[in-house]
């Protein structure tokens, strides 16, 4: 091997690195609800992604002041709503999975009852009890309105982010000199809105 030989060709001659294998879960299992998951709405989560860079550095000197508004004033409010949306979405999925599983068991009991022949009182009582429990659970789930809660929290979080990007672009109502006060008022109104 000569000294002029490129480094890439030296790597090709060497031993090949084993391919890294990643687990790819089916979509159904990847989005499956977590049953014993009780995180806090406040604080950082492992899967939080940055909306704007924490340290803008030299790349965004003209926007450094406006980027600091997000990191200093808005990110914690956005994260709280984002986390609430994720918690309520998981709760909604968990409720639906319980109803589906319960319906599956009730159907299996009815199938067993039909296969054995009518008159099995134990299977009939189990099926009736489970069906009654599922009916009560359905009423309870509907009254908790987890889907409405997570949709509302998600919409509020995304509206805060949208208002911030309008502020950053100096678009719409953010063209005047009182931009920061306008942004703070809009975010307060978004958080205070009911049923969005």
C-alpha atoms as a PDB file:
ATOM      1  CA  UNK A   1       0.000   0.000   0.000  1.00  0.00           C
ATOM      2  CA  UNK A   2       1.398   3.392  -0.946  1.00  0.00           C
ATOM      3  CA  UNK A   3       1.040   6.563   1.045  1.00  0.00           C
ATOM      4  CA  UNK A   4      -0.961   8.183  -1.747  1.00  0.00           C
ATOM      5  CA  UNK A   5      -3.704   5.573  -1.503  1.00  0.00           C
ATOM      6  CA  UNK A   6      -6.904   7.209  -0.252  1.00  0.00           C
ATOM      7  CA  UNK A   7      -8.209   6.405   3.201  1.00  0.00           C
ATOM      8  CA  UNK A   8     -11.543   5.143   1.816  1.00  0.00           C
ATOM      9  CA  UNK A   9      -9.838   2.352  -0.098  1.00  0.00           C
ATOM     10  CA  UNK A  10      -7.964   1.320   3.061  1.00  0.00           C
ATOM     11  CA  UNK A  11     -11.298   0.991   4.865  1.00  0.00           C
ATOM     12  CA  UNK A  12     -12.674  -1.122   2.009  1.00  0.00           C
ATOM     13  CA  UNK A  13      -9.779  -3.541   2.355  1.00  0.00           C
ATOM     14  CA  UNK A  14     -10.259  -3.888   6.096  1.00  0.00           C
ATOM     15  CA  UNK A  15     -12.804  -6.015   7.838  1.00  0.00           C
ATOM     16  CA  UNK A  16     -16.406  -5.061   7.214  1.00  0.00           C
ATOM     17  CA  UNK A  17     -18.328  -3.707  10.158  1.00  0.00           C
ATOM     18  CA  UNK A  18     -21.363  -5.729  11.112  1.00  0.00           C
ATOM     19  CA  UNK A  19     -24.625  -4.033  10.228  1.00  0.00           C
ATOM     20  CA  UNK A  20     -26.430  -2.565  13.141  1.00  0.00           C
ATOM     21  CA  UNK A  21     -29.791  -4.221  13.581  1.00  0.00           C
ATOM     22  CA  UNK A  22     -32.664  -2.090  14.720  1.00  0.00           C
ATOM     23  CA  UNK A  23     -35.909  -3.337  16.099  1.00  0.00           C
ATOM     24  CA  UNK A  24     -38.781  -2.452  13.851  1.00  0.00           C
ATOM     25  CA  UNK A  25     -42.060  -2.955  15.631  1.00  0.00           C
ATOM     26  CA  UNK A  26     -45.282  -3.309  13.677  1.00  0.00           C
ATOM     27  CA  UNK A  27     -47.312  -0.093  13.708  1.00  0.00           C
ATOM     28  CA  UNK A  28     -49.998  -1.684  15.876  1.00  0.00           C
ATOM     29  CA  UNK A  29     -47.503  -2.525  18.618  1.00  0.00           C
ATOM     30  CA  UNK A  30     -45.465   0.640  18.233  1.00  0.00           C
ATOM     31  CA  UNK A  31     -48.496   2.779  19.022  1.00  0.00           C
ATOM     32  CA  UNK A  32     -49.898   0.382  21.618  1.00  0.00           C
ATOM     33  CA  UNK A  33     -50.844   2.218  24.823  1.00  0.00           C
ATOM     34  CA  UNK A  34     -48.736   1.922  27.934  1.00  0.00           C
ATOM     35  CA  UNK A  35     -50.878   0.627  30.770  1.00  0.00           C
ATOM     36  CA  UNK A  36     -48.861   1.647  33.835  1.00  0.00           C
ATOM     37  CA  UNK A  37     -47.479   4.959  32.580  1.00  0.00           C
ATOM     38  CA  UNK A  38     -47.893   7.930  34.903  1.00  0.00           C
ATOM     39  CA  UNK A  39     -45.489  10.676  33.794  1.00  0.00           C
ATOM     40  CA  UNK A  40     -45.599  14.271  34.965  1.00  0.00           C
ATOM     41  CA  UNK A  41     -46.791  17.034  32.650  1.00  0.00           C
ATOM     42  CA  UNK A  42     -43.969  19.255  33.851  1.00  0.00           C
ATOM     43  CA  UNK A  43     -40.287  18.725  33.209  1.00  0.00           C
ATOM     44  CA  UNK A  44     -38.386  17.121  30.336  1.00  0.00           C
ATOM     45  CA  UNK A  45     -39.246  13.866  28.627  1.00  0.00           C
ATOM     46  CA  UNK A  46     -36.824  11.702  26.683  1.00  0.00           C
ATOM     47  CA  UNK A  47     -38.741  12.115  23.435  1.00  0.00           C
ATOM     48  CA  UNK A  48     -39.024  15.933  23.580  1.00  0.00           C
ATOM     49  CA  UNK A  49     -37.699  17.472  20.393  1.00  0.00           C
ATOM     50  CA  UNK A  50     -36.471  21.067  20.186  1.00  0.00           C
ATOM     51  CA  UNK A  51     -38.819  23.530  18.522  1.00  0.00           C
ATOM     52  CA  UNK A  52     -36.037  26.088  18.236  1.00  0.00           C
ATOM     53  CA  UNK A  53     -32.339  25.641  19.001  1.00  0.00           C
ATOM     54  CA  UNK A  54     -31.520  26.124  22.667  1.00  0.00           C
ATOM     55  CA  UNK A  55     -28.311  27.921  21.755  1.00  0.00           C
ATOM     56  CA  UNK A  56     -28.759  29.762  18.445  1.00  0.00           C
ATOM     57  CA  UNK A  57     -25.039  30.450  18.168  1.00  0.00           C
ATOM     58  CA  UNK A  58     -23.664  32.544  15.313  1.00  0.00           C
ATOM     59  CA  UNK A  59     -26.080  31.138  12.740  1.00  0.00           C
ATOM     60  CA  UNK A  60     -29.074  33.193  13.911  1.00  0.00           C
ATOM     61  CA  UNK A  61     -27.648  36.368  15.437  1.00  0.00           C
ATOM     62  CA  UNK A  62     -30.404  38.536  13.960  1.00  0.00           C
ATOM     63  CA  UNK A  63     -33.047  36.313  15.585  1.00  0.00           C
ATOM     64  CA  UNK A  64     -31.254  35.674  18.894  1.00  0.00           C
ATOM     65  CA  UNK A  65     -33.573  37.941  20.896  1.00  0.00           C
ATOM     66  CA  UNK A  66     -36.722  36.438  19.401  1.00  0.00           C
ATOM     67  CA  UNK A  67     -35.429  32.875  19.859  1.00  0.00           C
ATOM     68  CA  UNK A  68     -34.771  33.646  23.522  1.00  0.00           C
ATOM     69  CA  UNK A  69     -38.486  34.449  23.914  1.00  0.00           C
ATOM     70  CA  UNK A  70     -39.350  30.833  23.091  1.00  0.00           C
ATOM     71  CA  UNK A  71     -36.731  29.307  25.363  1.00  0.00           C
ATOM     72  CA  UNK A  72     -37.409  31.713  28.223  1.00  0.00           C
ATOM     73  CA  UNK A  73     -41.171  32.213  28.179  1.00  0.00           C
ATOM     74  CA  UNK A  74     -43.065  29.869  25.881  1.00  0.00           C
ATOM     75  CA  UNK A  75     -41.375  26.485  25.821  1.00  0.00           C
ATOM     76  CA  UNK A  76     -42.504  25.434  29.314  1.00  0.00           C
ATOM     77  CA  UNK A  77     -46.102  26.375  28.490  1.00  0.00           C
ATOM     78  CA  UNK A  78     -45.933  24.510  25.183  1.00  0.00           C
ATOM     79  CA  UNK A  79     -44.347  21.431  26.802  1.00  0.00           C
ATOM     80  CA  UNK A  80     -46.995  21.257  29.527  1.00  0.00           C
ATOM     81  CA  UNK A  81     -49.773  21.184  26.896  1.00  0.00           C
ATOM     82  CA  UNK A  82     -47.793  18.814  24.660  1.00  0.00           C
ATOM     83  CA  UNK A  83     -47.238  16.401  27.539  1.00  0.00           C
ATOM     84  CA  UNK A  84     -50.877  16.647  28.630  1.00  0.00           C
ATOM     85  CA  UNK A  85     -51.956  15.778  25.078  1.00  0.00           C
ATOM     86  CA  UNK A  86     -49.671  12.720  25.030  1.00  0.00           C
ATOM     87  CA  UNK A  87     -50.897  11.533  28.442  1.00  0.00           C
ATOM     88  CA  UNK A  88     -54.563  11.907  27.479  1.00  0.00           C
ATOM     89  CA  UNK A  89     -53.970  10.276  24.095  1.00  0.00           C
ATOM     90  CA  UNK A  90     -52.410   7.265  25.819  1.00  0.00           C
ATOM     91  CA  UNK A  91     -55.366   7.184  28.225  1.00  0.00           C
ATOM     92  CA  UNK A  92     -57.808   7.239  25.300  1.00  0.00           C
ATOM     93  CA  UNK A  93     -55.962   4.414  23.515  1.00  0.00           C
ATOM     94  CA  UNK A  94     -55.793   2.391  26.726  1.00  0.00           C
ATOM     95  CA  UNK A  95     -59.547   2.746  27.251  1.00  0.00           C
ATOM     96  CA  UNK A  96     -60.266   1.621  23.692  1.00  0.00           C
ATOM     97  CA  UNK A  97     -57.969  -1.389  23.975  1.00  0.00           C
ATOM     98  CA  UNK A  98     -59.719  -2.446  27.194  1.00  0.00           C
ATOM     99  CA  UNK A  99     -63.115  -2.200  25.490  1.00  0.00           C
ATOM    100  CA  UNK A 100     -61.901  -4.182  22.477  1.00  0.00           C
ATOM    101  CA  UNK A 101     -60.313  -6.863  24.662  1.00  0.00           C
ATOM    102  CA  UNK A 102     -63.448  -7.091  26.797  1.00  0.00           C
ATOM    103  CA  UNK A 103     -65.621  -7.405  23.698  1.00  0.00           C
ATOM    104  CA  UNK A 104     -63.322 -10.122  22.397  1.00  0.00           C
ATOM    105  CA  UNK A 105     -63.631 -12.104  25.638  1.00  0.00           C
ATOM    106  CA  UNK A 106     -67.427 -11.672  25.694  1.00  0.00           C
ATOM    107  CA  UNK A 107     -67.592 -12.909  22.094  1.00  0.00           C
ATOM    108  CA  UNK A 108     -65.385 -15.888  22.942  1.00  0.00           C
ATOM    109  CA  UNK A 109     -67.690 -16.773  25.838  1.00  0.00           C
ATOM    110  CA  UNK A 110     -70.725 -16.567  23.535  1.00  0.00           C
ATOM    111  CA  UNK A 111     -68.946 -18.742  20.969  1.00  0.00           C
ATOM    112  CA  UNK A 112     -68.110 -21.324  23.620  1.00  0.00           C
ATOM    113  CA  UNK A 113     -71.712 -21.242  24.819  1.00  0.00           C
ATOM    114  CA  UNK A 114     -72.963 -21.858  21.270  1.00  0.00           C
ATOM    115  CA  UNK A 115     -70.412 -24.629  20.638  1.00  0.00           C
ATOM    116  CA  UNK A 116     -71.204 -26.471  23.856  1.00  0.00           C
ATOM    117  CA  UNK A 117     -74.909 -26.086  23.428  1.00  0.00           C
ATOM    118  CA  UNK A 118     -77.395 -23.862  25.135  1.00  0.00           C
ATOM    119  CA  UNK A 119     -77.995 -24.141  28.828  1.00  0.00           C
ATOM    120  CA  UNK A 120     -74.530 -23.660  30.317  1.00  0.00           C
ATOM    121  CA  UNK A 121     -75.432 -21.300  33.151  1.00  0.00           C
ATOM    122  CA  UNK A 122     -71.839 -20.528  34.181  1.00  0.00           C
ATOM    123  CA  UNK A 123     -70.809 -19.337  30.713  1.00  0.00           C
ATOM    124  CA  UNK A 124     -74.031 -17.363  30.343  1.00  0.00           C
ATOM    125  CA  UNK A 125     -73.515 -15.682  33.717  1.00  0.00           C
ATOM    126  CA  UNK A 126     -69.882 -14.836  32.884  1.00  0.00           C
ATOM    127  CA  UNK A 127     -70.893 -13.396  29.547  1.00  0.00           C
ATOM    128  CA  UNK A 128     -73.753 -11.368  31.031  1.00  0.00           C
ATOM    129  CA  UNK A 129     -71.546 -10.050  33.835  1.00  0.00           C
ATOM    130  CA  UNK A 130     -68.763  -9.098  31.440  1.00  0.00           C
ATOM    131  CA  UNK A 131     -71.184  -7.454  29.018  1.00  0.00           C
ATOM    132  CA  UNK A 132     -72.727  -5.443  31.850  1.00  0.00           C
ATOM    133  CA  UNK A 133     -69.263  -4.425  33.059  1.00  0.00           C
ATOM    134  CA  UNK A 134     -68.322  -3.323  29.536  1.00  0.00           C
ATOM    135  CA  UNK A 135     -71.518  -1.281  29.226  1.00  0.00           C
ATOM    136  CA  UNK A 136     -70.741   0.506  32.501  1.00  0.00           C
ATOM    137  CA  UNK A 137     -67.124   1.010  31.460  1.00  0.00           C
ATOM    138  CA  UNK A 138     -68.273   2.527  28.171  1.00  0.00           C
ATOM    139  CA  UNK A 139     -70.447   5.068  29.991  1.00  0.00           C
ATOM    140  CA  UNK A 140     -67.564   5.916  32.340  1.00  0.00           C
ATOM    141  CA  UNK A 141     -65.111   6.316  29.462  1.00  0.00           C
ATOM    142  CA  UNK A 142     -67.464   8.583  27.546  1.00  0.00           C
ATOM    143  CA  UNK A 143     -67.931  10.791  30.615  1.00  0.00           C
ATOM    144  CA  UNK A 144     -64.174  11.251  31.045  1.00  0.00           C
ATOM    145  CA  UNK A 145     -63.837  12.623  27.500  1.00  0.00           C
ATOM    146  CA  UNK A 146     -60.158  11.694  27.114  1.00  0.00           C
ATOM    147  CA  UNK A 147     -60.283  12.108  23.340  1.00  0.00           C
ATOM    148  CA  UNK A 148     -61.723  15.630  23.612  1.00  0.00           C
ATOM    149  CA  UNK A 149     -59.099  16.447  26.251  1.00  0.00           C
ATOM    150  CA  UNK A 150     -56.133  15.307  24.192  1.00  0.00           C
ATOM    151  CA  UNK A 151     -57.426  16.972  21.026  1.00  0.00           C
ATOM    152  CA  UNK A 152     -57.915  20.225  22.952  1.00  0.00           C
ATOM    153  CA  UNK A 153     -54.456  20.093  24.537  1.00  0.00           C
ATOM    154  CA  UNK A 154     -52.818  19.224  21.202  1.00  0.00           C
ATOM    155  CA  UNK A 155     -54.615  22.089  19.442  1.00  0.00           C
ATOM    156  CA  UNK A 156     -53.602  24.572  22.134  1.00  0.00           C
ATOM    157  CA  UNK A 157     -49.953  23.447  21.994  1.00  0.00           C
ATOM    158  CA  UNK A 158     -49.864  23.727  18.209  1.00  0.00           C
ATOM    159  CA  UNK A 159     -51.566  27.132  18.279  1.00  0.00           C
ATOM    160  CA  UNK A 160     -48.917  28.422  20.715  1.00  0.00           C
ATOM    161  CA  UNK A 161     -46.220  27.186  18.367  1.00  0.00           C
ATOM    162  CA  UNK A 162     -48.001  28.751  15.387  1.00  0.00           C
ATOM    163  CA  UNK A 163     -48.315  32.117  17.141  1.00  0.00           C
ATOM    164  CA  UNK A 164     -44.642  32.012  18.000  1.00  0.00           C
ATOM    165  CA  UNK A 165     -43.664  31.388  14.382  1.00  0.00           C
ATOM    166  CA  UNK A 166     -45.869  34.309  13.283  1.00  0.00           C
ATOM    167  CA  UNK A 167     -44.045  36.398  15.895  1.00  0.00           C
ATOM    168  CA  UNK A 168     -40.700  35.158  14.619  1.00  0.00           C
ATOM    169  CA  UNK A 169     -41.607  35.996  11.008  1.00  0.00           C
ATOM    170  CA  UNK A 170     -43.047  39.393  12.030  1.00  0.00           C
ATOM    171  CA  UNK A 171     -46.194  38.493  10.115  1.00  0.00           C
ATOM    172  CA  UNK A 172     -49.798  39.523  10.648  1.00  0.00           C
ATOM    173  CA  UNK A 173     -50.325  41.373  13.933  1.00  0.00           C
ATOM    174  CA  UNK A 174     -46.624  41.087  14.784  1.00  0.00           C
ATOM    175  CA  UNK A 175     -45.382  43.842  12.459  1.00  0.00           C
ATOM    176  CA  UNK A 176     -45.493  46.643  15.028  1.00  0.00           C
ATOM    177  CA  UNK A 177     -43.118  47.421  17.858  1.00  0.00           C
ATOM    178  CA  UNK A 178     -45.339  45.954  20.582  1.00  0.00           C
ATOM    179  CA  UNK A 179     -44.874  42.393  19.275  1.00  0.00           C
ATOM    180  CA  UNK A 180     -43.897  40.733  22.538  1.00  0.00           C
ATOM    181  CA  UNK A 181     -46.917  42.035  24.447  1.00  0.00           C
ATOM    182  CA  UNK A 182     -49.178  40.874  21.611  1.00  0.00           C
ATOM    183  CA  UNK A 183     -47.590  37.409  21.663  1.00  0.00           C
ATOM    184  CA  UNK A 184     -47.978  37.074  25.427  1.00  0.00           C
ATOM    185  CA  UNK A 185     -51.648  38.119  25.196  1.00  0.00           C
ATOM    186  CA  UNK A 186     -52.321  35.626  22.409  1.00  0.00           C
ATOM    187  CA  UNK A 187     -50.677  32.771  24.333  1.00  0.00           C
ATOM    188  CA  UNK A 188     -52.651  33.669  27.467  1.00  0.00           C
ATOM    189  CA  UNK A 189     -55.873  33.639  25.423  1.00  0.00           C
ATOM    190  CA  UNK A 190     -54.998  30.271  23.865  1.00  0.00           C
ATOM    191  CA  UNK A 191     -54.324  28.680  27.252  1.00  0.00           C
ATOM    192  CA  UNK A 192     -57.486  30.152  28.786  1.00  0.00           C
ATOM    193  CA  UNK A 193     -59.736  28.991  25.921  1.00  0.00           C
ATOM    194  CA  UNK A 194     -62.198  26.278  26.856  1.00  0.00           C
ATOM    195  CA  UNK A 195     -63.035  23.358  24.603  1.00  0.00           C
ATOM    196  CA  UNK A 196     -60.671  24.195  21.786  1.00  0.00           C
END
